[in-house]
Amino acid sequence: VHRRAVMGSLDSLSWFFAVLATSSLAFIESRKAFDIGVALGLA
């Protein structure tokens, strides 16, 4: 159970950082202000 919980947490963190990274890149490309609230919510 411990190993599964740790791996699930790491997978969730992967998504969290992946969404933040791609959201920031999208805003940089569009040259608009980065909406940190929306990005954190989606992450």
PDB file of all heavy atoms in Angstrom:
ATOM      1  N   VAL A   1       0.839  -1.207   0.000  1.00  0.00           N
ATOM      2  CA  VAL A   1       0.000   0.000   0.000  1.00  0.00           C
ATOM      3  C   VAL A   1       0.871   1.253   0.000  1.00  0.00           C
ATOM      4  O   VAL A   1       0.596   2.227  -0.715  1.00  0.00           O
ATOM      5  CB  VAL A   1      -0.944  -0.012   1.225  1.00  0.00           C
ATOM      6  CG1 VAL A   1      -1.653   1.341   1.357  1.00  0.00           C
ATOM      7  CG2 VAL A   1      -1.953  -1.140   1.104  1.00  0.00           C
ATOM      8  N   HIS A   2       1.939   1.220   0.798  1.00  0.00           N
ATOM      9  CA  HIS A   2       2.847   2.380   0.865  1.00  0.00           C
ATOM     10  C   HIS A   2       3.484   2.652  -0.492  1.00  0.00           C
ATOM     11  O   HIS A   2       3.530   3.809  -0.951  1.00  0.00           O
ATOM     12  CB  HIS A   2       3.923   2.111   1.920  1.00  0.00           C
ATOM     13  CG  HIS A   2       4.986   3.166   1.975  1.00  0.00           C
ATOM     14  ND1 HIS A   2       4.760   4.420   2.489  1.00  0.00           N
ATOM     15  CD2 HIS A   2       6.292   3.156   1.558  1.00  0.00           C
ATOM     16  CE1 HIS A   2       5.872   5.146   2.401  1.00  0.00           C
ATOM     17  NE2 HIS A   2       6.812   4.398   1.846  1.00  0.00           N
ATOM     18  N   ARG A   3       3.965   1.597  -1.167  1.00  0.00           N
ATOM     19  CA  ARG A   3       4.595   1.788  -2.469  1.00  0.00           C
ATOM     20  C   ARG A   3       3.595   2.338  -3.480  1.00  0.00           C
ATOM     21  O   ARG A   3       3.921   3.211  -4.292  1.00  0.00           O
ATOM     22  CB  ARG A   3       5.187   0.467  -2.974  1.00  0.00           C
ATOM     23  CG  ARG A   3       6.455   0.044  -2.251  1.00  0.00           C
ATOM     24  CD  ARG A   3       7.159  -1.072  -2.996  1.00  0.00           C
ATOM     25  NE  ARG A   3       6.345  -2.271  -3.091  1.00  0.00           N
ATOM     26  CZ  ARG A   3       6.338  -3.236  -2.173  1.00  0.00           C
ATOM     27  NH1 ARG A   3       7.087  -3.130  -1.094  1.00  0.00           N
ATOM     28  NH2 ARG A   3       5.574  -4.309  -2.325  1.00  0.00           N
ATOM     29  N   ARG A   4       2.376   1.848  -3.452  1.00  0.00           N
ATOM     30  CA  ARG A   4       1.364   2.327  -4.395  1.00  0.00           C
ATOM     31  C   ARG A   4       1.018   3.788  -4.133  1.00  0.00           C
ATOM     32  O   ARG A   4       0.818   4.576  -5.065  1.00  0.00           O
ATOM     33  CB  ARG A   4       0.109   1.448  -4.305  1.00  0.00           C
ATOM     34  CG  ARG A   4       0.348   0.006  -4.730  1.00  0.00           C
ATOM     35  CD  ARG A   4      -0.957  -0.703  -5.032  1.00  0.00           C
ATOM     36  NE  ARG A   4      -1.827  -0.818  -3.868  1.00  0.00           N
ATOM     37  CZ  ARG A   4      -1.804  -1.814  -3.004  1.00  0.00           C
ATOM     38  NH1 ARG A   4      -0.907  -2.788  -3.158  1.00  0.00           N
ATOM     39  NH2 ARG A   4      -2.654  -1.865  -1.998  1.00  0.00           N
ATOM     40  N   ALA A   5       0.926   4.153  -2.839  1.00  0.00           N
ATOM     41  CA  ALA A   5       0.613   5.542  -2.493  1.00  0.00           C
ATOM     42  C   ALA A   5       1.721   6.486  -2.940  1.00  0.00           C
ATOM     43  O   ALA A   5       1.463   7.573  -3.487  1.00  0.00           O
ATOM     44  CB  ALA A   5       0.384   5.658  -0.983  1.00  0.00           C
ATOM     45  N   VAL A   6       2.964   6.084  -2.739  1.00  0.00           N
ATOM     46  CA  VAL A   6       4.097   6.914  -3.153  1.00  0.00           C
ATOM     47  C   VAL A   6       4.101   7.085  -4.661  1.00  0.00           C
ATOM     48  O   VAL A   6       4.288   8.202  -5.184  1.00  0.00           O
ATOM     49  CB  VAL A   6       5.422   6.301  -2.664  1.00  0.00           C
ATOM     50  CG1 VAL A   6       6.610   6.999  -3.310  1.00  0.00           C
ATOM     51  CG2 VAL A   6       5.517   6.388  -1.150  1.00  0.00           C
ATOM     52  N   MET A   7       3.892   5.994  -5.391  1.00  0.00           N
ATOM     53  CA  MET A   7       3.923   6.088  -6.846  1.00  0.00           C
ATOM     54  C   MET A   7       2.763   6.927  -7.361  1.00  0.00           C
ATOM     55  O   MET A   7       2.914   7.726  -8.300  1.00  0.00           O
ATOM     56  CB  MET A   7       3.877   4.687  -7.466  1.00  0.00           C
ATOM     57  CG  MET A   7       4.183   4.662  -8.952  1.00  0.00           C
ATOM     58  SD  MET A   7       5.762   5.464  -9.376  1.00  0.00           S
ATOM     59  CE  MET A   7       6.909   4.348  -8.551  1.00  0.00           C
ATOM     60  N   GLY A   8       1.585   6.800  -6.728  1.00  0.00           N
ATOM     61  CA  GLY A   8       0.456   7.628  -7.127  1.00  0.00           C
ATOM     62  C   GLY A   8       0.728   9.104  -6.896  1.00  0.00           C
ATOM     63  O   GLY A   8       0.373   9.960  -7.730  1.00  0.00           O
ATOM     64  N   SER A   9       1.380   9.393  -5.782  1.00  0.00           N
ATOM     65  CA  SER A   9       1.722  10.795  -5.483  1.00  0.00           C
ATOM     66  C   SER A   9       2.717  11.345  -6.500  1.00  0.00           C
ATOM     67  O   SER A   9       2.591  12.489  -6.965  1.00  0.00           O
ATOM     68  CB  SER A   9       2.294  10.909  -4.069  1.00  0.00           C
ATOM     69  OG  SER A   9       1.360  10.455  -3.107  1.00  0.00           O
ATOM     70  N   LEU A  10       3.720  10.523  -6.854  1.00  0.00           N
ATOM     71  CA  LEU A  10       4.717  10.967  -7.837  1.00  0.00           C
ATOM     72  C   LEU A  10       4.075  11.174  -9.208  1.00  0.00           C
ATOM     73  O   LEU A  10       4.420  12.119  -9.929  1.00  0.00           O
ATOM     74  CB  LEU A  10       5.854   9.948  -7.930  1.00  0.00           C
ATOM     75  CG  LEU A  10       6.764   9.854  -6.698  1.00  0.00           C
ATOM     76  CD1 LEU A  10       7.750   8.699  -6.859  1.00  0.00           C
ATOM     77  CD2 LEU A  10       7.517  11.168  -6.488  1.00  0.00           C
ATOM     78  N   ASP A  11       3.129  10.300  -9.574  1.00  0.00           N
ATOM     79  CA  ASP A  11       2.439  10.475 -10.855  1.00  0.00           C
ATOM     80  C   ASP A  11       1.620  11.770 -10.861  1.00  0.00           C
ATOM     81  O   ASP A  11       1.572  12.487 -11.869  1.00  0.00           O
ATOM     82  CB  ASP A  11       1.522   9.282 -11.126  1.00  0.00           C
ATOM     83  CG  ASP A  11       2.297   8.022 -11.465  1.00  0.00           C
ATOM     84  OD1 ASP A  11       3.511   8.130 -11.748  1.00  0.00           O
ATOM     85  OD2 ASP A  11       1.699   6.924 -11.435  1.00  0.00           O
ATOM     86  N   SER A  12       0.960  12.054  -9.729  1.00  0.00           N
ATOM     87  CA  SER A  12       0.178  13.290  -9.631  1.00  0.00           C
ATOM     88  C   SER A  12       1.080  14.514  -9.717  1.00  0.00           C
ATOM     89  O   SER A  12       0.742  15.515 -10.368  1.00  0.00           O
ATOM     90  CB  SER A  12      -0.612  13.304  -8.313  1.00  0.00           C
ATOM     91  OG  SER A  12      -1.566  12.258  -8.293  1.00  0.00           O
ATOM     92  N   LEU A  13       2.248  14.432  -9.082  1.00  0.00           N
ATOM     93  CA  LEU A  13       3.206  15.533  -9.172  1.00  0.00           C
ATOM     94  C   LEU A  13       3.686  15.721 -10.606  1.00  0.00           C
ATOM     95  O   LEU A  13       3.943  16.856 -11.050  1.00  0.00           O
ATOM     96  CB  LEU A  13       4.392  15.275  -8.244  1.00  0.00           C
ATOM     97  CG  LEU A  13       4.154  15.533  -6.756  1.00  0.00           C
ATOM     98  CD1 LEU A  13       5.370  15.110  -5.934  1.00  0.00           C
ATOM     99  CD2 LEU A  13       3.846  17.020  -6.509  1.00  0.00           C
ATOM    100  N   SER A  14       3.845  14.611 -11.338  1.00  0.00           N
ATOM    101  CA  SER A  14       4.245  14.713 -12.742  1.00  0.00           C
ATOM    102  C   SER A  14       3.227  15.539 -13.522  1.00  0.00           C
ATOM    103  O   SER A  14       3.590  16.413 -14.325  1.00  0.00           O
ATOM    104  CB  SER A  14       4.381  13.315 -13.361  1.00  0.00           C
ATOM    105  OG  SER A  14       5.383  12.570 -12.715  1.00  0.00           O
ATOM    106  N   TRP A  15       1.959  15.261 -13.305  1.00  0.00           N
ATOM    107  CA  TRP A  15       0.911  16.033 -13.981  1.00  0.00           C
ATOM    108  C   TRP A  15       0.920  17.484 -13.526  1.00  0.00           C
ATOM    109  O   TRP A  15       0.738  18.407 -14.322  1.00  0.00           O
ATOM    110  CB  TRP A  15      -0.456  15.401 -13.705  1.00  0.00           C
ATOM    111  CG  TRP A  15      -0.895  14.484 -14.784  1.00  0.00           C
ATOM    112  CD1 TRP A  15      -0.899  13.128 -14.764  1.00  0.00           C
ATOM    113  CD2 TRP A  15      -1.400  14.861 -16.058  1.00  0.00           C
ATOM    114  NE1 TRP A  15      -1.368  12.617 -15.945  1.00  0.00           N
ATOM    115  CE2 TRP A  15      -1.690  13.672 -16.771  1.00  0.00           C
ATOM    116  CE3 TRP A  15      -1.618  16.083 -16.690  1.00  0.00           C
ATOM    117  CZ2 TRP A  15      -2.195  13.672 -18.054  1.00  0.00           C
ATOM    118  CZ3 TRP A  15      -2.136  16.081 -17.983  1.00  0.00           C
ATOM    119  CH2 TRP A  15      -2.416  14.887 -18.657  1.00  0.00           C
ATOM    120  N   PHE A  16       1.093  17.702 -12.235  1.00  0.00           N
ATOM    121  CA  PHE A  16       1.083  19.060 -11.690  1.00  0.00           C
ATOM    122  C   PHE A  16       2.137  19.923 -12.385  1.00  0.00           C
ATOM    123  O   PHE A  16       1.852  21.021 -12.893  1.00  0.00           O
ATOM    124  CB  PHE A  16       1.329  19.010 -10.179  1.00  0.00           C
ATOM    125  CG  PHE A  16       1.259  20.338  -9.494  1.00  0.00           C
ATOM    126  CD1 PHE A  16       0.047  20.860  -9.069  1.00  0.00           C
ATOM    127  CD2 PHE A  16       2.416  21.094  -9.270  1.00  0.00           C
ATOM    128  CE1 PHE A  16      -0.018  22.090  -8.429  1.00  0.00           C
ATOM    129  CE2 PHE A  16       2.366  22.317  -8.648  1.00  0.00           C
ATOM    130  CZ  PHE A  16       1.142  22.821  -8.217  1.00  0.00           C
ATOM    131  N   PHE A  17       3.352  19.403 -12.425  1.00  0.00           N
ATOM    132  CA  PHE A  17       4.439  20.196 -13.022  1.00  0.00           C
ATOM    133  C   PHE A  17       4.329  20.261 -14.547  1.00  0.00           C
ATOM    134  O   PHE A  17       4.709  21.253 -15.171  1.00  0.00           O
ATOM    135  CB  PHE A  17       5.798  19.626 -12.609  1.00  0.00           C
ATOM    136  CG  PHE A  17       6.135  19.868 -11.168  1.00  0.00           C
ATOM    137  CD1 PHE A  17       6.271  18.814 -10.280  1.00  0.00           C
ATOM    138  CD2 PHE A  17       6.299  21.161 -10.686  1.00  0.00           C
ATOM    139  CE1 PHE A  17       6.577  19.037  -8.947  1.00  0.00           C
ATOM    140  CE2 PHE A  17       6.600  21.401  -9.356  1.00  0.00           C
ATOM    141  CZ  PHE A  17       6.741  20.328  -8.479  1.00  0.00           C
ATOM    142  N   ALA A  18       3.785  19.175 -15.158  1.00  0.00           N
ATOM    143  CA  ALA A  18       3.619  19.182 -16.610  1.00  0.00           C
ATOM    144  C   ALA A  18       2.614  20.249 -17.025  1.00  0.00           C
ATOM    145  O   ALA A  18       2.835  20.986 -18.017  1.00  0.00           O
ATOM    146  CB  ALA A  18       3.166  17.801 -17.091  1.00  0.00           C
ATOM    147  N   VAL A  19       1.512  20.364 -16.295  1.00  0.00           N
ATOM    148  CA  VAL A  19       0.503  21.379 -16.625  1.00  0.00           C
ATOM    149  C   VAL A  19       1.053  22.783 -16.406  1.00  0.00           C
ATOM    150  O   VAL A  19       0.851  23.687 -17.239  1.00  0.00           O
ATOM    151  CB  VAL A  19      -0.772  21.151 -15.790  1.00  0.00           C
ATOM    152  CG1 VAL A  19      -1.733  22.335 -15.955  1.00  0.00           C
ATOM    153  CG2 VAL A  19      -1.461  19.866 -16.225  1.00  0.00           C
ATOM    154  N   LEU A  20       1.777  22.991 -15.291  1.00  0.00           N
ATOM    155  CA  LEU A  20       2.371  24.313 -15.047  1.00  0.00           C
ATOM    156  C   LEU A  20       3.362  24.682 -16.145  1.00  0.00           C
ATOM    157  O   LEU A  20       3.387  25.828 -16.636  1.00  0.00           O
ATOM    158  CB  LEU A  20       3.071  24.331 -13.683  1.00  0.00           C
ATOM    159  CG  LEU A  20       2.176  24.402 -12.441  1.00  0.00           C
ATOM    160  CD1 LEU A  20       3.034  24.418 -11.180  1.00  0.00           C
ATOM    161  CD2 LEU A  20       1.285  25.637 -12.488  1.00  0.00           C
ATOM    162  N   ALA A  21       4.177  23.707 -16.553  1.00  0.00           N
ATOM    163  CA  ALA A  21       5.204  23.982 -17.562  1.00  0.00           C
ATOM    164  C   ALA A  21       4.582  24.308 -18.915  1.00  0.00           C
ATOM    165  O   ALA A  21       4.964  25.286 -19.577  1.00  0.00           O
ATOM    166  CB  ALA A  21       6.141  22.778 -17.685  1.00  0.00           C
ATOM    167  N   THR A  22       3.620  23.496 -19.333  1.00  0.00           N
ATOM    168  CA  THR A  22       3.016  23.735 -20.651  1.00  0.00           C
ATOM    169  C   THR A  22       2.147  24.985 -20.656  1.00  0.00           C
ATOM    170  O   THR A  22       2.055  25.686 -21.662  1.00  0.00           O
ATOM    171  CB  THR A  22       2.177  22.514 -21.083  1.00  0.00           C
ATOM    172  OG1 THR A  22       1.204  22.227 -20.067  1.00  0.00           O
ATOM    173  CG2 THR A  22       3.065  21.297 -21.309  1.00  0.00           C
ATOM    174  N   SER A  23       1.506  25.291 -19.520  1.00  0.00           N
ATOM    175  CA  SER A  23       0.697  26.517 -19.436  1.00  0.00           C
ATOM    176  C   SER A  23       1.576  27.752 -19.548  1.00  0.00           C
ATOM    177  O   SER A  23       1.238  28.726 -20.251  1.00  0.00           O
ATOM    178  CB  SER A  23      -0.091  26.541 -18.122  1.00  0.00           C
ATOM    179  OG  SER A  23      -1.032  25.495 -18.074  1.00  0.00           O
ATOM    180  N   SER A  24       2.708  27.723 -18.851  1.00  0.00           N
ATOM    181  CA  SER A  24       3.617  28.881 -18.916  1.00  0.00           C
ATOM    182  C   SER A  24       4.159  29.060 -20.325  1.00  0.00           C
ATOM    183  O   SER A  24       4.283  30.188 -20.830  1.00  0.00           O
ATOM    184  CB  SER A  24       4.759  28.709 -17.917  1.00  0.00           C
ATOM    185  OG  SER A  24       5.536  27.556 -18.228  1.00  0.00           O
ATOM    186  N   LEU A  25       4.455  27.940 -21.004  1.00  0.00           N
ATOM    187  CA  LEU A  25       4.947  28.037 -22.382  1.00  0.00           C
ATOM    188  C   LEU A  25       3.876  28.604 -23.303  1.00  0.00           C
ATOM    189  O   LEU A  25       4.172  29.405 -24.208  1.00  0.00           O
ATOM    190  CB  LEU A  25       5.388  26.654 -22.883  1.00  0.00           C
ATOM    191  CG  LEU A  25       6.699  26.103 -22.308  1.00  0.00           C
ATOM    192  CD1 LEU A  25       6.928  24.674 -22.789  1.00  0.00           C
ATOM    193  CD2 LEU A  25       7.878  26.994 -22.723  1.00  0.00           C
ATOM    194  N   ALA A  26       2.641  28.206 -23.068  1.00  0.00           N
ATOM    195  CA  ALA A  26       1.547  28.709 -23.905  1.00  0.00           C
ATOM    196  C   ALA A  26       1.368  30.212 -23.742  1.00  0.00           C
ATOM    197  O   ALA A  26       1.142  30.946 -24.715  1.00  0.00           O
ATOM    198  CB  ALA A  26       0.250  27.984 -23.555  1.00  0.00           C
ATOM    199  N   PHE A  27       1.485  30.690 -22.511  1.00  0.00           N
ATOM    200  CA  PHE A  27       1.340  32.129 -22.277  1.00  0.00           C
ATOM    201  C   PHE A  27       2.528  32.906 -22.850  1.00  0.00           C
ATOM    202  O   PHE A  27       2.386  34.009 -23.374  1.00  0.00           O
ATOM    203  CB  PHE A  27       1.182  32.411 -20.778  1.00  0.00           C
ATOM    204  CG  PHE A  27      -0.228  32.267 -20.300  1.00  0.00           C
ATOM    205  CD1 PHE A  27      -0.631  31.114 -19.660  1.00  0.00           C
ATOM    206  CD2 PHE A  27      -1.155  33.280 -20.510  1.00  0.00           C
ATOM    207  CE1 PHE A  27      -1.942  30.965 -19.227  1.00  0.00           C
ATOM    208  CE2 PHE A  27      -2.460  33.140 -20.073  1.00  0.00           C
ATOM    209  CZ  PHE A  27      -2.869  31.981 -19.435  1.00  0.00           C
ATOM    210  N   ILE A  28       3.714  32.316 -22.738  1.00  0.00           N
ATOM    211  CA  ILE A  28       4.904  32.996 -23.292  1.00  0.00           C
ATOM    212  C   ILE A  28       4.762  33.129 -24.797  1.00  0.00           C
ATOM    213  O   ILE A  28       5.077  34.166 -25.399  1.00  0.00           O
ATOM    214  CB  ILE A  28       6.177  32.226 -22.927  1.00  0.00           C
ATOM    215  CG1 ILE A  28       6.440  32.336 -21.409  1.00  0.00           C
ATOM    216  CG2 ILE A  28       7.371  32.727 -23.706  1.00  0.00           C
ATOM    217  CD1 ILE A  28       7.562  31.454 -20.916  1.00  0.00           C
ATOM    218  N   GLU A  29       4.253  32.031 -25.438  1.00  0.00           N
ATOM    219  CA  GLU A  29       4.094  32.061 -26.888  1.00  0.00           C
ATOM    220  C   GLU A  29       3.063  33.094 -27.319  1.00  0.00           C
ATOM    221  O   GLU A  29       3.219  33.793 -28.330  1.00  0.00           O
ATOM    222  CB  GLU A  29       3.661  30.668 -27.392  1.00  0.00           C
ATOM    223  CG  GLU A  29       4.730  30.024 -28.243  1.00  0.00           C
ATOM    224  CD  GLU A  29       4.250  28.716 -28.838  1.00  0.00           C
ATOM    225  OE1 GLU A  29       3.292  28.741 -29.618  1.00  0.00           O
ATOM    226  OE2 GLU A  29       4.839  27.697 -28.483  1.00  0.00           O
ATOM    227  N   SER A  30       2.022  33.235 -26.529  1.00  0.00           N
ATOM    228  CA  SER A  30       0.957  34.179 -26.891  1.00  0.00           C
ATOM    229  C   SER A  30       1.268  35.600 -26.447  1.00  0.00           C
ATOM    230  O   SER A  30       0.540  36.531 -26.787  1.00  0.00           O
ATOM    231  CB  SER A  30      -0.361  33.750 -26.257  1.00  0.00           C
ATOM    232  OG  SER A  30      -0.259  33.794 -24.839  1.00  0.00           O
ATOM    233  N   ARG A  31       2.349  35.741 -25.681  1.00  0.00           N
ATOM    234  CA  ARG A  31       2.803  37.058 -25.204  1.00  0.00           C
ATOM    235  C   ARG A  31       1.720  37.748 -24.372  1.00  0.00           C
ATOM    236  O   ARG A  31       1.539  38.956 -24.443  1.00  0.00           O
ATOM    237  CB  ARG A  31       3.212  37.943 -26.377  1.00  0.00           C
ATOM    238  CG  ARG A  31       4.380  37.392 -27.166  1.00  0.00           C
ATOM    239  CD  ARG A  31       4.764  38.313 -28.295  1.00  0.00           C
ATOM    240  NE  ARG A  31       5.884  37.746 -29.056  1.00  0.00           N
ATOM    241  CZ  ARG A  31       6.422  38.346 -30.107  1.00  0.00           C
ATOM    242  NH1 ARG A  31       5.956  39.524 -30.533  1.00  0.00           N
ATOM    243  NH2 ARG A  31       7.428  37.778 -30.758  1.00  0.00           N
ATOM    244  N   LYS A  32       1.002  36.959 -23.635  1.00  0.00           N
ATOM    245  CA  LYS A  32       0.010  37.513 -22.730  1.00  0.00           C
ATOM    246  C   LYS A  32       0.409  37.227 -21.301  1.00  0.00           C
ATOM    247  O   LYS A  32       1.244  36.381 -21.033  1.00  0.00           O
ATOM    248  CB  LYS A  32      -1.370  36.928 -23.034  1.00  0.00           C
ATOM    249  CG  LYS A  32      -1.912  37.365 -24.385  1.00  0.00           C
ATOM    250  CD  LYS A  32      -3.320  36.881 -24.582  1.00  0.00           C
ATOM    251  CE  LYS A  32      -3.885  37.346 -25.924  1.00  0.00           C
ATOM    252  NZ  LYS A  32      -5.274  36.880 -26.123  1.00  0.00           N
ATOM    253  N   ALA A  33      -0.233  37.931 -20.381  1.00  0.00           N
ATOM    254  CA  ALA A  33       0.089  37.751 -18.955  1.00  0.00           C
ATOM    255  C   ALA A  33      -0.263  36.340 -18.513  1.00  0.00           C
ATOM    256  O   ALA A  33      -1.310  35.791 -18.883  1.00  0.00           O
ATOM    257  CB  ALA A  33      -0.670  38.784 -18.121  1.00  0.00           C
ATOM    258  N   PHE A  34       0.616  35.780 -17.715  1.00  0.00           N
ATOM    259  CA  PHE A  34       0.431  34.412 -17.220  1.00  0.00           C
ATOM    260  C   PHE A  34      -0.580  34.410 -16.072  1.00  0.00           C
ATOM    261  O   PHE A  34      -0.360  35.056 -15.041  1.00  0.00           O
ATOM    262  CB  PHE A  34       1.779  33.853 -16.762  1.00  0.00           C
ATOM    263  CG  PHE A  34       1.689  32.442 -16.223  1.00  0.00           C
ATOM    264  CD1 PHE A  34       1.009  31.450 -16.921  1.00  0.00           C
ATOM    265  CD2 PHE A  34       2.286  32.108 -15.017  1.00  0.00           C
ATOM    266  CE1 PHE A  34       0.946  30.165 -16.435  1.00  0.00           C
ATOM    267  CE2 PHE A  34       2.213  30.827 -14.531  1.00  0.00           C
ATOM    268  CZ  PHE A  34       1.562  29.855 -15.233  1.00  0.00           C
ATOM    269  N   ASP A  35      -1.696  33.718 -16.272  1.00  0.00           N
ATOM    270  CA  ASP A  35      -2.732  33.627 -15.240  1.00  0.00           C
ATOM    271  C   ASP A  35      -2.391  32.466 -14.311  1.00  0.00           C
ATOM    272  O   ASP A  35      -2.762  31.323 -14.562  1.00  0.00           O
ATOM    273  CB  ASP A  35      -4.097  33.422 -15.897  1.00  0.00           C
ATOM    274  CG  ASP A  35      -5.232  33.603 -14.893  1.00  0.00           C
ATOM    275  OD1 ASP A  35      -4.969  33.492 -13.671  1.00  0.00           O
ATOM    276  OD2 ASP A  35      -6.374  33.820 -15.332  1.00  0.00           O
ATOM    277  N   ILE A  36      -1.649  32.776 -13.223  1.00  0.00           N
ATOM    278  CA  ILE A  36      -1.178  31.732 -12.331  1.00  0.00           C
ATOM    279  C   ILE A  36      -2.324  31.000 -11.649  1.00  0.00           C
ATOM    280  O   ILE A  36      -2.247  29.805 -11.374  1.00  0.00           O
ATOM    281  CB  ILE A  36      -0.207  32.333 -11.271  1.00  0.00           C
ATOM    282  CG1 ILE A  36       0.427  31.225 -10.442  1.00  0.00           C
ATOM    283  CG2 ILE A  36      -0.947  33.331 -10.400  1.00  0.00           C
ATOM    284  CD1 ILE A  36       1.287  30.282 -11.205  1.00  0.00           C
ATOM    285  N   GLY A  37      -3.404  31.688 -11.398  1.00  0.00           N
ATOM    286  CA  GLY A  37      -4.548  31.059 -10.733  1.00  0.00           C
ATOM    287  C   GLY A  37      -5.163  29.961 -11.570  1.00  0.00           C
ATOM    288  O   GLY A  37      -5.445  28.864 -11.098  1.00  0.00           O
ATOM    289  N   VAL A  38      -5.391  30.248 -12.848  1.00  0.00           N
ATOM    290  CA  VAL A  38      -5.955  29.242 -13.758  1.00  0.00           C
ATOM    291  C   VAL A  38      -5.003  28.057 -13.908  1.00  0.00           C
ATOM    292  O   VAL A  38      -5.407  26.891 -13.893  1.00  0.00           O
ATOM    293  CB  VAL A  38      -6.262  29.880 -15.126  1.00  0.00           C
ATOM    294  CG1 VAL A  38      -6.683  28.798 -16.133  1.00  0.00           C
ATOM    295  CG2 VAL A  38      -7.341  30.924 -14.992  1.00  0.00           C
ATOM    296  N   ALA A  39      -3.715  28.377 -14.059  1.00  0.00           N
ATOM    297  CA  ALA A  39      -2.728  27.309 -14.236  1.00  0.00           C
ATOM    298  C   ALA A  39      -2.663  26.393 -13.009  1.00  0.00           C
ATOM    299  O   ALA A  39      -2.625  25.164 -13.140  1.00  0.00           O
ATOM    300  CB  ALA A  39      -1.355  27.907 -14.528  1.00  0.00           C
ATOM    301  N   LEU A  40      -2.671  26.986 -11.807  1.00  0.00           N
ATOM    302  CA  LEU A  40      -2.617  26.167 -10.581  1.00  0.00           C
ATOM    303  C   LEU A  40      -3.887  25.332 -10.444  1.00  0.00           C
ATOM    304  O   LEU A  40      -3.845  24.169 -10.031  1.00  0.00           O
ATOM    305  CB  LEU A  40      -2.441  27.071  -9.360  1.00  0.00           C
ATOM    306  CG  LEU A  40      -1.038  27.608  -9.113  1.00  0.00           C
ATOM    307  CD1 LEU A  40      -1.036  28.594  -7.952  1.00  0.00           C
ATOM    308  CD2 LEU A  40      -0.068  26.454  -8.824  1.00  0.00           C
ATOM    309  N   GLY A  41      -5.004  25.940 -10.795  1.00  0.00           N
ATOM    310  CA  GLY A  41      -6.259  25.181 -10.711  1.00  0.00           C
ATOM    311  C   GLY A  41      -6.253  23.970 -11.619  1.00  0.00           C
ATOM    312  O   GLY A  41      -6.649  22.863 -11.235  1.00  0.00           O
ATOM    313  N   LEU A  42      -5.797  24.161 -12.857  1.00  0.00           N
ATOM    314  CA  LEU A  42      -5.732  23.033 -13.795  1.00  0.00           C
ATOM    315  C   LEU A  42      -4.711  21.987 -13.341  1.00  0.00           C
ATOM    316  O   LEU A  42      -4.926  20.775 -13.501  1.00  0.00           O
ATOM    317  CB  LEU A  42      -5.366  23.547 -15.187  1.00  0.00           C
ATOM    318  CG  LEU A  42      -6.459  24.319 -15.923  1.00  0.00           C
ATOM    319  CD1 LEU A  42      -5.911  24.880 -17.242  1.00  0.00           C
ATOM    320  CD2 LEU A  42      -7.667  23.428 -16.194  1.00  0.00           C
ATOM    321  N   ALA A  43      -3.587  22.447 -12.760  1.00  0.00           N
ATOM    322  CA  ALA A  43      -2.563  21.505 -12.303  1.00  0.00           C
ATOM    323  C   ALA A  43      -3.086  20.629 -11.164  1.00  0.00           C
ATOM    324  O   ALA A  43      -2.860  19.411 -11.134  1.00  0.00           O
ATOM    325  CB  ALA A  43      -1.319  22.269 -11.867  1.00  0.00           C
TER     326      ALA A  43
END
